[in-house]
PDB file of N, CA and C in Angstrom:
ATOM      1  N   UNK A   1      58.229  25.473   0.579  1.00  0.00           N
ATOM      2  CA  UNK A   1      57.752  24.098   0.659  1.00  0.00           C
ATOM      3  C   UNK A   1      57.214  23.771  -0.760  1.00  0.00           C
ATOM      4  N   UNK A   2      57.585  22.603  -1.135  1.00  0.00           N
ATOM      5  CA  UNK A   2      56.970  22.229  -2.430  1.00  0.00           C
ATOM      6  C   UNK A   2      55.525  21.596  -2.247  1.00  0.00           C
ATOM      7  N   UNK A   3      54.688  21.901  -3.008  1.00  0.00           N
ATOM      8  CA  UNK A   3      53.305  21.542  -2.990  1.00  0.00           C
ATOM      9  C   UNK A   3      53.237  20.050  -3.539  1.00  0.00           C
ATOM     10  N   UNK A   4      52.626  19.059  -2.619  1.00  0.00           N
ATOM     11  CA  UNK A   4      52.562  17.715  -2.971  1.00  0.00           C
ATOM     12  C   UNK A   4      51.536  17.564  -3.962  1.00  0.00           C
ATOM     13  N   UNK A   5      51.887  16.818  -5.079  1.00  0.00           N
ATOM     14  CA  UNK A   5      51.016  16.342  -6.286  1.00  0.00           C
ATOM     15  C   UNK A   5      50.267  15.182  -5.906  1.00  0.00           C
ATOM     16  N   UNK A   6      48.916  15.333  -6.186  1.00  0.00           N
ATOM     17  CA  UNK A   6      48.057  14.224  -5.851  1.00  0.00           C
ATOM     18  C   UNK A   6      47.909  13.421  -7.187  1.00  0.00           C
ATOM     19  N   UNK A   7      48.227  12.198  -7.017  1.00  0.00           N
ATOM     20  CA  UNK A   7      48.289  11.298  -8.158  1.00  0.00           C
ATOM     21  C   UNK A   7      47.272   9.990  -7.956  1.00  0.00           C
ATOM     22  N   UNK A   8      46.144  10.383  -7.517  1.00  0.00           N
ATOM     23  CA  UNK A   8      45.144   9.437  -7.242  1.00  0.00           C
ATOM     24  C   UNK A   8      44.416   9.039  -8.686  1.00  0.00           C
ATOM     25  N   UNK A   9      43.709   8.133  -8.892  1.00  0.00           N
ATOM     26  CA  UNK A   9      43.100   7.778 -10.123  1.00  0.00           C
ATOM     27  C   UNK A   9      42.025   8.835 -10.412  1.00  0.00           C
ATOM     28  N   UNK A  10      41.376   9.355  -9.328  1.00  0.00           N
ATOM     29  CA  UNK A  10      40.364  10.234  -9.640  1.00  0.00           C
ATOM     30  C   UNK A  10      40.925  11.678  -9.950  1.00  0.00           C
ATOM     31  N   UNK A  11      42.133  11.878  -9.515  1.00  0.00           N
ATOM     32  CA  UNK A  11      42.783  13.116  -9.902  1.00  0.00           C
ATOM     33  C   UNK A  11      43.366  13.067 -11.484  1.00  0.00           C
ATOM     34  N   UNK A  12      43.823  11.818 -11.769  1.00  0.00           N
ATOM     35  CA  UNK A  12      44.287  11.681 -13.096  1.00  0.00           C
ATOM     36  C   UNK A  12      43.190  11.771 -14.053  1.00  0.00           C
ATOM     37  N   UNK A  13      41.895  11.151 -13.729  1.00  0.00           N
ATOM     38  CA  UNK A  13      40.762  11.312 -14.619  1.00  0.00           C
ATOM     39  C   UNK A  13      40.378  12.679 -14.735  1.00  0.00           C
ATOM     40  N   UNK A  14      40.460  13.485 -13.494  1.00  0.00           N
ATOM     41  CA  UNK A  14      39.965  14.772 -13.652  1.00  0.00           C
ATOM     42  C   UNK A  14      40.852  15.639 -14.627  1.00  0.00           C
ATOM     43  N   UNK A  15      42.160  15.331 -14.373  1.00  0.00           N
ATOM     44  CA  UNK A  15      43.089  16.183 -15.247  1.00  0.00           C
ATOM     45  C   UNK A  15      42.847  15.972 -16.828  1.00  0.00           C
ATOM     46  N   UNK A  16      42.568  14.641 -16.991  1.00  0.00           N
ATOM     47  CA  UNK A  16      42.228  14.307 -18.360  1.00  0.00           C
ATOM     48  C   UNK A  16      41.021  14.982 -18.939  1.00  0.00           C
ATOM     49  N   UNK A  17      39.963  14.875 -18.106  1.00  0.00           N
ATOM     50  CA  UNK A  17      38.685  15.519 -18.413  1.00  0.00           C
ATOM     51  C   UNK A  17      38.826  17.047 -18.670  1.00  0.00           C
ATOM     52  N   UNK A  18      39.589  17.607 -17.774  1.00  0.00           N
ATOM     53  CA  UNK A  18      39.804  18.984 -17.836  1.00  0.00           C
ATOM     54  C   UNK A  18      40.594  19.583 -18.968  1.00  0.00           C
ATOM     55  N   UNK A  19      41.488  18.744 -19.380  1.00  0.00           N
ATOM     56  CA  UNK A  19      42.365  18.886 -20.641  1.00  0.00           C
ATOM     57  C   UNK A  19      41.315  18.922 -21.979  1.00  0.00           C
ATOM     58  N   UNK A  20      40.412  17.896 -21.893  1.00  0.00           N
ATOM     59  CA  UNK A  20      39.359  17.694 -23.070  1.00  0.00           C
ATOM     60  C   UNK A  20      38.490  18.969 -23.005  1.00  0.00           C
ATOM     61  N   UNK A  21      38.217  19.543 -21.841  1.00  0.00           N
ATOM     62  CA  UNK A  21      37.226  20.548 -21.821  1.00  0.00           C
ATOM     63  C   UNK A  21      37.909  21.850 -22.222  1.00  0.00           C
ATOM     64  N   UNK A  22      38.894  22.245 -21.578  1.00  0.00           N
ATOM     65  CA  UNK A  22      39.683  23.536 -21.833  1.00  0.00           C
ATOM     66  C   UNK A  22      40.773  23.492 -22.787  1.00  0.00           C
ATOM     67  N   UNK A  23      41.534  22.309 -22.903  1.00  0.00           N
ATOM     68  CA  UNK A  23      42.664  22.366 -23.725  1.00  0.00           C
ATOM     69  C   UNK A  23      42.174  22.032 -25.283  1.00  0.00           C
ATOM     70  N   UNK A  24      41.689  20.885 -25.419  1.00  0.00           N
ATOM     71  CA  UNK A  24      41.184  20.636 -26.904  1.00  0.00           C
ATOM     72  C   UNK A  24      39.677  21.151 -27.022  1.00  0.00           C
ATOM     73  N   UNK A  25      39.170  21.615 -26.125  1.00  0.00           N
ATOM     74  CA  UNK A  25      37.538  22.019 -26.218  1.00  0.00           C
ATOM     75  C   UNK A  25      36.729  20.883 -26.717  1.00  0.00           C
ATOM     76  N   UNK A  26      36.941  19.709 -26.395  1.00  0.00           N
ATOM     77  CA  UNK A  26      35.951  18.696 -26.777  1.00  0.00           C
ATOM     78  C   UNK A  26      35.030  18.502 -25.654  1.00  0.00           C
ATOM     79  N   UNK A  27      34.055  19.145 -25.877  1.00  0.00           N
ATOM     80  CA  UNK A  27      32.940  19.155 -24.597  1.00  0.00           C
ATOM     81  C   UNK A  27      32.251  17.812 -24.549  1.00  0.00           C
ATOM     82  N   UNK A  28      32.072  17.209 -25.402  1.00  0.00           N
ATOM     83  CA  UNK A  28      31.301  15.898 -25.543  1.00  0.00           C
ATOM     84  C   UNK A  28      32.148  14.785 -24.730  1.00  0.00           C
ATOM     85  N   UNK A  29      33.371  14.780 -24.959  1.00  0.00           N
ATOM     86  CA  UNK A  29      34.135  13.841 -24.372  1.00  0.00           C
ATOM     87  C   UNK A  29      34.590  14.232 -22.833  1.00  0.00           C
ATOM     88  N   UNK A  30      34.767  15.526 -22.702  1.00  0.00           N
ATOM     89  CA  UNK A  30      34.832  16.077 -21.316  1.00  0.00           C
ATOM     90  C   UNK A  30      33.691  15.785 -20.549  1.00  0.00           C
ATOM     91  N   UNK A  31      32.608  15.963 -21.045  1.00  0.00           N
ATOM     92  CA  UNK A  31      31.219  15.697 -20.321  1.00  0.00           C
ATOM     93  C   UNK A  31      31.303  14.278 -19.938  1.00  0.00           C
ATOM     94  N   UNK A  32      31.468  13.448 -20.773  1.00  0.00           N
ATOM     95  CA  UNK A  32      31.562  11.867 -20.579  1.00  0.00           C
ATOM     96  C   UNK A  32      32.522  11.617 -19.482  1.00  0.00           C
ATOM     97  N   UNK A  33      33.723  12.205 -19.534  1.00  0.00           N
ATOM     98  CA  UNK A  33      34.798  11.852 -18.514  1.00  0.00           C
ATOM     99  C   UNK A  33      34.250  12.352 -17.125  1.00  0.00           C
ATOM    100  N   UNK A  34      33.781  13.537 -17.095  1.00  0.00           N
ATOM    101  CA  UNK A  34      33.187  14.125 -15.691  1.00  0.00           C
ATOM    102  C   UNK A  34      32.112  13.149 -15.158  1.00  0.00           C
ATOM    103  N   UNK A  35      31.232  12.757 -16.125  1.00  0.00           N
ATOM    104  CA  UNK A  35      30.347  11.722 -15.486  1.00  0.00           C
ATOM    105  C   UNK A  35      30.866  10.456 -15.045  1.00  0.00           C
ATOM    106  N   UNK A  36      31.789   9.911 -15.651  1.00  0.00           N
ATOM    107  CA  UNK A  36      32.678   8.781 -15.140  1.00  0.00           C
ATOM    108  C   UNK A  36      33.217   9.107 -13.627  1.00  0.00           C
ATOM    109  N   UNK A  37      33.897  10.163 -13.589  1.00  0.00           N
ATOM    110  CA  UNK A  37      34.337  10.504 -12.284  1.00  0.00           C
ATOM    111  C   UNK A  37      33.245  10.541 -11.159  1.00  0.00           C
ATOM    112  N   UNK A  38      32.146  11.114 -11.456  1.00  0.00           N
ATOM    113  CA  UNK A  38      30.954  11.019 -10.575  1.00  0.00           C
ATOM    114  C   UNK A  38      30.650   9.586 -10.088  1.00  0.00           C
ATOM    115  N   UNK A  39      30.586   8.817 -11.181  1.00  0.00           N
ATOM    116  CA  UNK A  39      30.113   7.440 -10.940  1.00  0.00           C
ATOM    117  C   UNK A  39      31.167   6.602 -10.283  1.00  0.00           C
ATOM    118  N   UNK A  40      32.537   6.676 -10.705  1.00  0.00           N
ATOM    119  CA  UNK A  40      33.496   5.823 -10.212  1.00  0.00           C
ATOM    120  C   UNK A  40      34.176   6.399  -8.967  1.00  0.00           C
ATOM    121  N   UNK A  41      33.976   7.654  -8.553  1.00  0.00           N
ATOM    122  CA  UNK A  41      34.829   8.184  -7.483  1.00  0.00           C
ATOM    123  C   UNK A  41      33.718   9.338  -6.825  1.00  0.00           C
ATOM    124  N   UNK A  42      32.565   8.889  -6.458  1.00  0.00           N
ATOM    125  CA  UNK A  42      31.550   9.780  -5.948  1.00  0.00           C
ATOM    126  C   UNK A  42      31.845  10.512  -4.653  1.00  0.00           C
ATOM    127  N   UNK A  43      32.778   9.950  -3.809  1.00  0.00           N
ATOM    128  CA  UNK A  43      33.168  10.819  -2.612  1.00  0.00           C
ATOM    129  C   UNK A  43      34.501  11.520  -2.747  1.00  0.00           C
ATOM    130  N   UNK A  44      35.045  11.475  -4.023  1.00  0.00           N
ATOM    131  CA  UNK A  44      36.460  12.102  -4.052  1.00  0.00           C
ATOM    132  C   UNK A  44      36.186  13.774  -4.093  1.00  0.00           C
ATOM    133  N   UNK A  45      37.189  14.380  -3.886  1.00  0.00           N
ATOM    134  CA  UNK A  45      36.961  15.954  -4.119  1.00  0.00           C
ATOM    135  C   UNK A  45      36.976  16.261  -5.570  1.00  0.00           C
ATOM    136  N   UNK A  46      37.472  15.386  -6.571  1.00  0.00           N
ATOM    137  CA  UNK A  46      37.244  15.449  -7.952  1.00  0.00           C
ATOM    138  C   UNK A  46      35.933  15.342  -8.303  1.00  0.00           C
ATOM    139  N   UNK A  47      35.096  14.659  -7.596  1.00  0.00           N
ATOM    140  CA  UNK A  47      33.579  14.607  -7.948  1.00  0.00           C
ATOM    141  C   UNK A  47      33.050  15.924  -7.761  1.00  0.00           C
ATOM    142  N   UNK A  48      33.313  16.496  -6.806  1.00  0.00           N
ATOM    143  CA  UNK A  48      32.845  17.911  -6.604  1.00  0.00           C
ATOM    144  C   UNK A  48      33.225  18.802  -7.579  1.00  0.00           C
ATOM    145  N   UNK A  49      34.548  18.758  -8.085  1.00  0.00           N
ATOM    146  CA  UNK A  49      34.967  19.577  -9.217  1.00  0.00           C
ATOM    147  C   UNK A  49      34.297  19.059 -10.507  1.00  0.00           C
ATOM    148  N   UNK A  50      34.113  17.811 -10.803  1.00  0.00           N
ATOM    149  CA  UNK A  50      33.482  17.298 -12.046  1.00  0.00           C
ATOM    150  C   UNK A  50      31.950  17.630 -12.064  1.00  0.00           C
ATOM    151  N   UNK A  51      31.417  17.890 -10.907  1.00  0.00           N
ATOM    152  CA  UNK A  51      29.974  18.286 -10.854  1.00  0.00           C
ATOM    153  C   UNK A  51      29.860  19.792 -11.299  1.00  0.00           C
ATOM    154  N   UNK A  52      30.802  20.463 -10.830  1.00  0.00           N
ATOM    155  CA  UNK A  52      30.836  21.958 -11.098  1.00  0.00           C
ATOM    156  C   UNK A  52      31.164  22.091 -12.647  1.00  0.00           C
ATOM    157  N   UNK A  53      32.056  21.315 -13.140  1.00  0.00           N
ATOM    158  CA  UNK A  53      32.362  21.329 -14.586  1.00  0.00           C
ATOM    159  C   UNK A  53      31.103  20.898 -15.645  1.00  0.00           C
ATOM    160  N   UNK A  54      30.361  19.834 -15.120  1.00  0.00           N
ATOM    161  CA  UNK A  54      29.296  19.564 -15.918  1.00  0.00           C
ATOM    162  C   UNK A  54      28.217  20.554 -15.846  1.00  0.00           C
ATOM    163  N   UNK A  55      27.980  21.266 -14.773  1.00  0.00           N
ATOM    164  CA  UNK A  55      27.006  22.411 -14.755  1.00  0.00           C
ATOM    165  C   UNK A  55      27.552  23.561 -15.598  1.00  0.00           C
ATOM    166  N   UNK A  56      28.945  23.935 -15.792  1.00  0.00           N
ATOM    167  CA  UNK A  56      29.453  24.788 -16.513  1.00  0.00           C
ATOM    168  C   UNK A  56      29.228  24.465 -18.026  1.00  0.00           C
ATOM    169  N   UNK A  57      29.432  23.173 -18.481  1.00  0.00           N
ATOM    170  CA  UNK A  57      28.960  22.817 -19.766  1.00  0.00           C
ATOM    171  C   UNK A  57      27.529  22.939 -20.148  1.00  0.00           C
ATOM    172  N   UNK A  58      26.651  22.345 -19.193  1.00  0.00           N
ATOM    173  CA  UNK A  58      25.331  22.525 -19.267  1.00  0.00           C
ATOM    174  C   UNK A  58      24.766  23.939 -19.582  1.00  0.00           C
ATOM    175  N   UNK A  59      25.298  24.851 -18.562  1.00  0.00           N
ATOM    176  CA  UNK A  59      24.900  26.178 -18.689  1.00  0.00           C
ATOM    177  C   UNK A  59      25.321  26.911 -19.999  1.00  0.00           C
ATOM    178  N   UNK A  60      26.434  26.319 -20.518  1.00  0.00           N
ATOM    179  CA  UNK A  60      27.017  26.977 -21.912  1.00  0.00           C
ATOM    180  C   UNK A  60      26.239  26.435 -22.787  1.00  0.00           C
ATOM    181  N   UNK A  61      25.457  25.322 -22.827  1.00  0.00           N
ATOM    182  CA  UNK A  61      24.926  24.599 -24.150  1.00  0.00           C
ATOM    183  C   UNK A  61      23.359  24.834 -24.014  1.00  0.00           C
ATOM    184  N   UNK A  62      22.828  24.715 -22.861  1.00  0.00           N
ATOM    185  CA  UNK A  62      21.379  24.704 -22.920  1.00  0.00           C
ATOM    186  C   UNK A  62      20.836  26.195 -22.465  1.00  0.00           C
ATOM    187  N   UNK A  63      19.752  26.725 -23.380  1.00  0.00           N
ATOM    188  CA  UNK A  63      19.195  27.957 -23.169  1.00  0.00           C
ATOM    189  C   UNK A  63      18.540  27.954 -21.777  1.00  0.00           C
ATOM    190  N   UNK A  64      18.841  29.243 -21.131  1.00  0.00           N
ATOM    191  CA  UNK A  64      18.198  29.473 -19.602  1.00  0.00           C
ATOM    192  C   UNK A  64      16.789  28.976 -19.689  1.00  0.00           C
ATOM    193  N   UNK A  65      15.964  29.447 -20.662  1.00  0.00           N
ATOM    194  CA  UNK A  65      14.506  29.075 -20.764  1.00  0.00           C
ATOM    195  C   UNK A  65      14.406  27.548 -20.545  1.00  0.00           C
ATOM    196  N   UNK A  66      15.122  26.845 -21.137  1.00  0.00           N
ATOM    197  CA  UNK A  66      14.987  25.324 -21.331  1.00  0.00           C
ATOM    198  C   UNK A  66      15.404  24.709 -19.941  1.00  0.00           C
ATOM    199  N   UNK A  67      16.480  25.254 -19.376  1.00  0.00           N
ATOM    200  CA  UNK A  67      17.001  24.784 -18.138  1.00  0.00           C
ATOM    201  C   UNK A  67      16.003  24.945 -16.986  1.00  0.00           C
ATOM    202  N   UNK A  68      15.365  26.267 -16.966  1.00  0.00           N
ATOM    203  CA  UNK A  68      14.284  26.471 -16.032  1.00  0.00           C
ATOM    204  C   UNK A  68      13.059  25.692 -16.250  1.00  0.00           C
ATOM    205  N   UNK A  69      12.754  25.246 -17.370  1.00  0.00           N
ATOM    206  CA  UNK A  69      11.523  24.518 -17.628  1.00  0.00           C
ATOM    207  C   UNK A  69      11.983  23.063 -17.098  1.00  0.00           C
ATOM    208  N   UNK A  70      13.030  22.630 -17.457  1.00  0.00           N
ATOM    209  CA  UNK A  70      13.423  21.356 -16.944  1.00  0.00           C
ATOM    210  C   UNK A  70      13.411  21.216 -15.397  1.00  0.00           C
ATOM    211  N   UNK A  71      14.064  22.140 -14.804  1.00  0.00           N
ATOM    212  CA  UNK A  71      14.066  22.158 -13.225  1.00  0.00           C
ATOM    213  C   UNK A  71      12.666  22.354 -12.756  1.00  0.00           C
ATOM    214  N   UNK A  72      11.812  23.087 -13.338  1.00  0.00           N
ATOM    215  CA  UNK A  72      10.474  23.214 -12.799  1.00  0.00           C
ATOM    216  C   UNK A  72       9.633  21.666 -12.912  1.00  0.00           C
ATOM    217  N   UNK A  73       9.822  21.142 -14.187  1.00  0.00           N
ATOM    218  CA  UNK A  73       9.334  19.765 -14.252  1.00  0.00           C
ATOM    219  C   UNK A  73       9.869  18.723 -13.194  1.00  0.00           C
ATOM    220  N   UNK A  74      11.071  18.786 -12.918  1.00  0.00           N
ATOM    221  CA  UNK A  74      11.872  17.995 -11.891  1.00  0.00           C
ATOM    222  C   UNK A  74      11.286  18.286 -10.561  1.00  0.00           C
ATOM    223  N   UNK A  75      11.247  19.524  -9.941  1.00  0.00           N
ATOM    224  CA  UNK A  75      10.820  19.932  -8.864  1.00  0.00           C
ATOM    225  C   UNK A  75       9.322  19.519  -8.730  1.00  0.00           C
ATOM    226  N   UNK A  76       8.420  19.674  -9.768  1.00  0.00           N
ATOM    227  CA  UNK A  76       7.021  19.317  -9.696  1.00  0.00           C
ATOM    228  C   UNK A  76       6.983  17.707  -9.443  1.00  0.00           C
ATOM    229  N   UNK A  77       7.838  16.985 -10.368  1.00  0.00           N
ATOM    230  CA  UNK A  77       7.792  15.468 -10.047  1.00  0.00           C
ATOM    231  C   UNK A  77       8.218  15.080  -8.494  1.00  0.00           C
ATOM    232  N   UNK A  78       9.114  15.824  -7.955  1.00  0.00           N
ATOM    233  CA  UNK A  78       9.506  15.563  -6.611  1.00  0.00           C
ATOM    234  C   UNK A  78       8.419  15.779  -5.711  1.00  0.00           C
ATOM    235  N   UNK A  79       7.781  17.024  -5.983  1.00  0.00           N
ATOM    236  CA  UNK A  79       6.599  17.270  -4.988  1.00  0.00           C
ATOM    237  C   UNK A  79       5.412  16.177  -5.135  1.00  0.00           C
ATOM    238  N   UNK A  80       5.362  15.902  -6.365  1.00  0.00           N
ATOM    239  CA  UNK A  80       4.228  14.699  -6.582  1.00  0.00           C
ATOM    240  C   UNK A  80       4.543  13.554  -5.982  1.00  0.00           C
ATOM    241  N   UNK A  81       5.768  13.182  -6.014  1.00  0.00           N
ATOM    242  CA  UNK A  81       6.249  11.900  -5.355  1.00  0.00           C
ATOM    243  C   UNK A  81       6.101  11.920  -4.011  1.00  0.00           C
ATOM    244  N   UNK A  82       6.624  13.061  -3.242  1.00  0.00           N
ATOM    245  CA  UNK A  82       6.436  13.269  -1.897  1.00  0.00           C
ATOM    246  C   UNK A  82       5.019  13.308  -1.410  1.00  0.00           C
ATOM    247  N   UNK A  83       4.192  13.743  -2.153  1.00  0.00           N
ATOM    248  CA  UNK A  83       2.707  13.899  -1.836  1.00  0.00           C
ATOM    249  C   UNK A  83       2.236  12.399  -1.763  1.00  0.00           C
ATOM    250  N   UNK A  84       2.600  11.612  -2.727  1.00  0.00           N
ATOM    251  CA  UNK A  84       2.367  10.222  -2.888  1.00  0.00           C
ATOM    252  C   UNK A  84       2.795   9.426  -1.574  1.00  0.00           C
ATOM    253  N   UNK A  85       3.953   9.811  -1.037  1.00  0.00           N
ATOM    254  CA  UNK A  85       4.535   9.019   0.042  1.00  0.00           C
ATOM    255  C   UNK A  85       3.882   9.435   1.377  1.00  0.00           C
ATOM    256  N   UNK A  86       3.403  10.729   1.319  1.00  0.00           N
ATOM    257  CA  UNK A  86       3.001  11.325   2.637  1.00  0.00           C
ATOM    258  C   UNK A  86       1.416  11.901   2.252  1.00  0.00           C
ATOM    259  N   UNK A  87       0.485  10.994   2.391  1.00  0.00           N
ATOM    260  CA  UNK A  87      -0.802  11.259   2.011  1.00  0.00           C
ATOM    261  C   UNK A  87      -1.379  12.667   2.540  1.00  0.00           C
ATOM    262  N   UNK A  88      -0.924  12.914   3.743  1.00  0.00           N
ATOM    263  CA  UNK A  88      -1.425  14.090   4.455  1.00  0.00           C
ATOM    264  C   UNK A  88      -0.779  15.493   3.903  1.00  0.00           C
ATOM    265  N   UNK A  89       0.113  15.458   3.075  1.00  0.00           N
ATOM    266  CA  UNK A  89       1.040  16.656   2.600  1.00  0.00           C
ATOM    267  C   UNK A  89      -0.009  17.309   1.693  1.00  0.00           C
TER     268      UNK A  89
END
């Protein structure tokens, strides 16, 4: 049985981003393309793939210590926001 090829706009955009990422190794352009997929097709399966690829690029570029520091700051900000929304927290 022949596998059906998905030719949706999101699949075409993902294929282009993937080629930039792994084919021509243009990480900056691939990063932008993956972000566009998330913005334009947030509920598509390609959005999930694009999110994973963004994380791959980020993990490859940003030192682990800086990633952790950023994540700690973000989590702290969320805790602080929740505390403000729920005075008894």
